[in-house]
N, C-alpha and C. Protein backbone atom coordinates (compact mmCIF):
# COMPACT_ATOMS: atom_id res chain seq x y z
N MET A 1 -14.85 32.01 2.37
CA MET A 1 -14.04 31.05 3.10
C MET A 1 -12.83 31.75 3.71
N LYS A 2 -12.20 32.62 2.92
CA LYS A 2 -11.04 33.35 3.42
C LYS A 2 -11.43 34.19 4.63
N ARG A 3 -12.61 34.81 4.56
CA ARG A 3 -13.08 35.63 5.68
C ARG A 3 -13.26 34.79 6.94
N LEU A 4 -13.72 33.54 6.77
CA LEU A 4 -13.89 32.64 7.91
C LEU A 4 -12.55 32.40 8.60
N PHE A 5 -11.52 32.08 7.80
CA PHE A 5 -10.22 31.83 8.39
C PHE A 5 -9.64 33.07 9.05
N LEU A 6 -9.82 34.22 8.42
CA LEU A 6 -9.33 35.46 9.02
C LEU A 6 -10.03 35.73 10.34
N SER A 7 -11.34 35.47 10.40
CA SER A 7 -12.06 35.73 11.65
C SER A 7 -11.65 34.73 12.73
N LEU A 8 -11.27 33.53 12.33
CA LEU A 8 -10.83 32.54 13.32
C LEU A 8 -9.51 32.94 13.96
N PHE A 9 -8.64 33.57 13.17
CA PHE A 9 -7.30 33.85 13.66
C PHE A 9 -7.07 35.31 14.05
N THR A 10 -8.12 36.11 14.10
CA THR A 10 -7.94 37.48 14.53
C THR A 10 -7.61 37.55 16.01
N SER A 11 -7.96 36.52 16.74
CA SER A 11 -7.68 36.47 18.16
C SER A 11 -7.14 35.08 18.51
N PRO A 12 -5.84 34.82 18.23
CA PRO A 12 -5.28 33.48 18.47
C PRO A 12 -5.40 33.02 19.91
N GLU A 13 -5.25 33.95 20.84
CA GLU A 13 -5.35 33.52 22.24
C GLU A 13 -6.74 33.04 22.57
N LYS A 14 -7.76 33.61 21.95
CA LYS A 14 -9.12 33.14 22.17
C LYS A 14 -9.33 31.79 21.50
N LEU A 15 -8.75 31.60 20.31
CA LEU A 15 -8.87 30.33 19.62
C LEU A 15 -8.26 29.21 20.44
N LEU A 16 -7.13 29.47 21.06
CA LEU A 16 -6.42 28.44 21.81
C LEU A 16 -6.84 28.34 23.26
N GLN A 17 -7.78 29.16 23.66
CA GLN A 17 -8.23 29.13 25.05
C GLN A 17 -8.88 27.78 25.33
N VAL A 18 -8.37 27.08 26.31
CA VAL A 18 -8.91 25.79 26.69
C VAL A 18 -9.91 26.01 27.81
N ILE A 19 -11.10 25.41 27.65
CA ILE A 19 -12.15 25.61 28.63
C ILE A 19 -12.60 24.30 29.23
N SER A 20 -13.10 24.37 30.43
CA SER A 20 -13.60 23.18 31.10
C SER A 20 -15.01 22.87 30.61
N HIS A 21 -15.48 21.71 30.94
CA HIS A 21 -16.83 21.31 30.53
C HIS A 21 -17.89 22.25 31.08
N GLU A 22 -17.66 22.81 32.25
CA GLU A 22 -18.63 23.74 32.84
C GLU A 22 -18.72 25.04 32.06
N GLU A 23 -17.62 25.42 31.42
CA GLU A 23 -17.60 26.68 30.68
C GLU A 23 -18.10 26.56 29.25
N ILE A 24 -18.26 25.33 28.77
CA ILE A 24 -18.68 25.14 27.39
C ILE A 24 -20.06 25.74 27.15
N GLN A 25 -21.00 25.52 28.04
CA GLN A 25 -22.34 26.07 27.85
C GLN A 25 -22.31 27.60 27.82
N ASP A 26 -21.50 28.20 28.67
CA ASP A 26 -21.36 29.66 28.65
C ASP A 26 -20.81 30.13 27.31
N SER A 27 -19.83 29.41 26.78
CA SER A 27 -19.25 29.78 25.48
C SER A 27 -20.27 29.63 24.36
N ILE A 28 -21.07 28.60 24.43
CA ILE A 28 -22.14 28.42 23.43
C ILE A 28 -23.11 29.58 23.52
N ASP A 29 -23.51 29.92 24.73
CA ASP A 29 -24.45 31.02 24.93
C ASP A 29 -23.87 32.36 24.48
N ASP A 30 -22.56 32.52 24.64
CA ASP A 30 -21.89 33.76 24.24
C ASP A 30 -21.68 33.85 22.73
N GLY A 31 -21.89 32.74 22.02
CA GLY A 31 -21.75 32.75 20.57
C GLY A 31 -20.35 32.52 20.06
N ASP A 32 -19.47 31.95 20.88
CA ASP A 32 -18.12 31.65 20.42
C ASP A 32 -18.18 30.67 19.25
N ARG A 33 -17.32 30.87 18.24
CA ARG A 33 -17.31 30.02 17.06
C ARG A 33 -16.73 28.64 17.34
N ILE A 34 -15.62 28.62 18.06
CA ILE A 34 -14.91 27.36 18.30
C ILE A 34 -14.79 27.13 19.79
N LEU A 35 -15.02 25.90 20.19
CA LEU A 35 -14.91 25.51 21.59
C LEU A 35 -13.79 24.49 21.72
N ILE A 36 -12.91 24.69 22.67
CA ILE A 36 -11.85 23.74 22.94
C ILE A 36 -11.97 23.32 24.40
N ASP A 37 -12.21 22.04 24.61
CA ASP A 37 -12.43 21.57 25.97
C ASP A 37 -11.11 21.33 26.69
N GLU A 38 -11.20 20.93 27.94
CA GLU A 38 -10.01 20.77 28.76
C GLU A 38 -9.10 19.64 28.27
N ASP A 39 -9.61 18.77 27.42
CA ASP A 39 -8.79 17.70 26.84
C ASP A 39 -8.15 18.11 25.52
N GLY A 40 -8.42 19.34 25.08
CA GLY A 40 -7.86 19.83 23.83
C GLY A 40 -8.69 19.50 22.60
N ASN A 41 -9.88 18.96 22.80
CA ASN A 41 -10.76 18.65 21.68
C ASN A 41 -11.46 19.91 21.20
N ALA A 42 -11.38 20.17 19.91
CA ALA A 42 -12.01 21.36 19.33
C ALA A 42 -13.31 20.97 18.65
N SER A 43 -14.28 21.86 18.75
CA SER A 43 -15.55 21.66 18.05
C SER A 43 -16.10 23.02 17.64
N VAL A 44 -16.94 22.98 16.63
CA VAL A 44 -17.56 24.20 16.13
C VAL A 44 -18.90 24.36 16.84
N ASN A 45 -19.18 25.58 17.25
CA ASN A 45 -20.44 25.90 17.91
C ASN A 45 -21.52 26.07 16.85
N ILE A 46 -22.33 25.02 16.64
CA ILE A 46 -23.35 25.08 15.60
C ILE A 46 -24.48 26.05 15.95
N HIS A 47 -24.51 26.53 17.16
CA HIS A 47 -25.53 27.49 17.58
C HIS A 47 -25.12 28.94 17.30
N CYS A 48 -23.86 29.13 16.90
CA CYS A 48 -23.35 30.46 16.59
C CYS A 48 -23.94 30.92 15.26
N LYS A 49 -24.57 32.08 15.27
CA LYS A 49 -25.23 32.60 14.07
C LYS A 49 -24.24 32.76 12.91
N ALA A 50 -23.05 33.24 13.19
CA ALA A 50 -22.04 33.42 12.14
C ALA A 50 -21.65 32.08 11.51
N VAL A 51 -21.55 31.04 12.31
CA VAL A 51 -21.22 29.71 11.79
C VAL A 51 -22.36 29.22 10.89
N GLN A 52 -23.58 29.43 11.31
CA GLN A 52 -24.73 29.03 10.49
C GLN A 52 -24.75 29.77 9.16
N GLU A 53 -24.43 31.07 9.20
CA GLU A 53 -24.39 31.85 7.96
C GLU A 53 -23.26 31.39 7.05
N ASP A 54 -22.09 31.09 7.62
CA ASP A 54 -20.97 30.59 6.83
C ASP A 54 -21.33 29.26 6.18
N PHE A 55 -22.00 28.40 6.92
CA PHE A 55 -22.39 27.10 6.39
C PHE A 55 -23.40 27.26 5.25
N ALA A 56 -24.36 28.15 5.42
CA ALA A 56 -25.35 28.40 4.37
C ALA A 56 -24.68 28.93 3.10
N ARG A 57 -23.70 29.84 3.25
CA ARG A 57 -22.96 30.34 2.09
C ARG A 57 -22.19 29.22 1.40
N HIS A 58 -21.61 28.34 2.20
CA HIS A 58 -20.86 27.23 1.65
C HIS A 58 -21.79 26.31 0.84
N ILE A 59 -22.93 26.01 1.36
CA ILE A 59 -23.90 25.15 0.67
C ILE A 59 -24.35 25.79 -0.64
N GLU A 60 -24.61 27.11 -0.61
CA GLU A 60 -25.01 27.81 -1.83
C GLU A 60 -23.90 27.78 -2.88
N ALA A 61 -22.66 27.91 -2.43
CA ALA A 61 -21.53 27.86 -3.35
C ALA A 61 -21.41 26.47 -3.98
N LEU A 62 -21.65 25.43 -3.19
CA LEU A 62 -21.61 24.08 -3.72
C LEU A 62 -22.72 23.84 -4.74
N LYS A 63 -23.89 24.43 -4.50
CA LYS A 63 -25.01 24.28 -5.43
C LYS A 63 -24.69 24.91 -6.77
N ARG A 64 -23.92 26.00 -6.76
CA ARG A 64 -23.58 26.71 -7.99
C ARG A 64 -22.40 26.07 -8.72
N ALA A 65 -21.65 25.21 -8.04
CA ALA A 65 -20.44 24.61 -8.64
C ALA A 65 -20.79 23.56 -9.67
């Protein structure tokens, strides 16, 4: 979990980059973890392999708890 947060904030300018609706598909295709649209709404790119791996690790940790 700590690694996830560190990876999110290694590039704050990229995290805060606001993109238009036309650019969202490009960001998804590029594998960006977080998408922020022109209205400031943030969402997680569920197609990003790293996000899927983080989620799988989280589920496994919950199973062991």
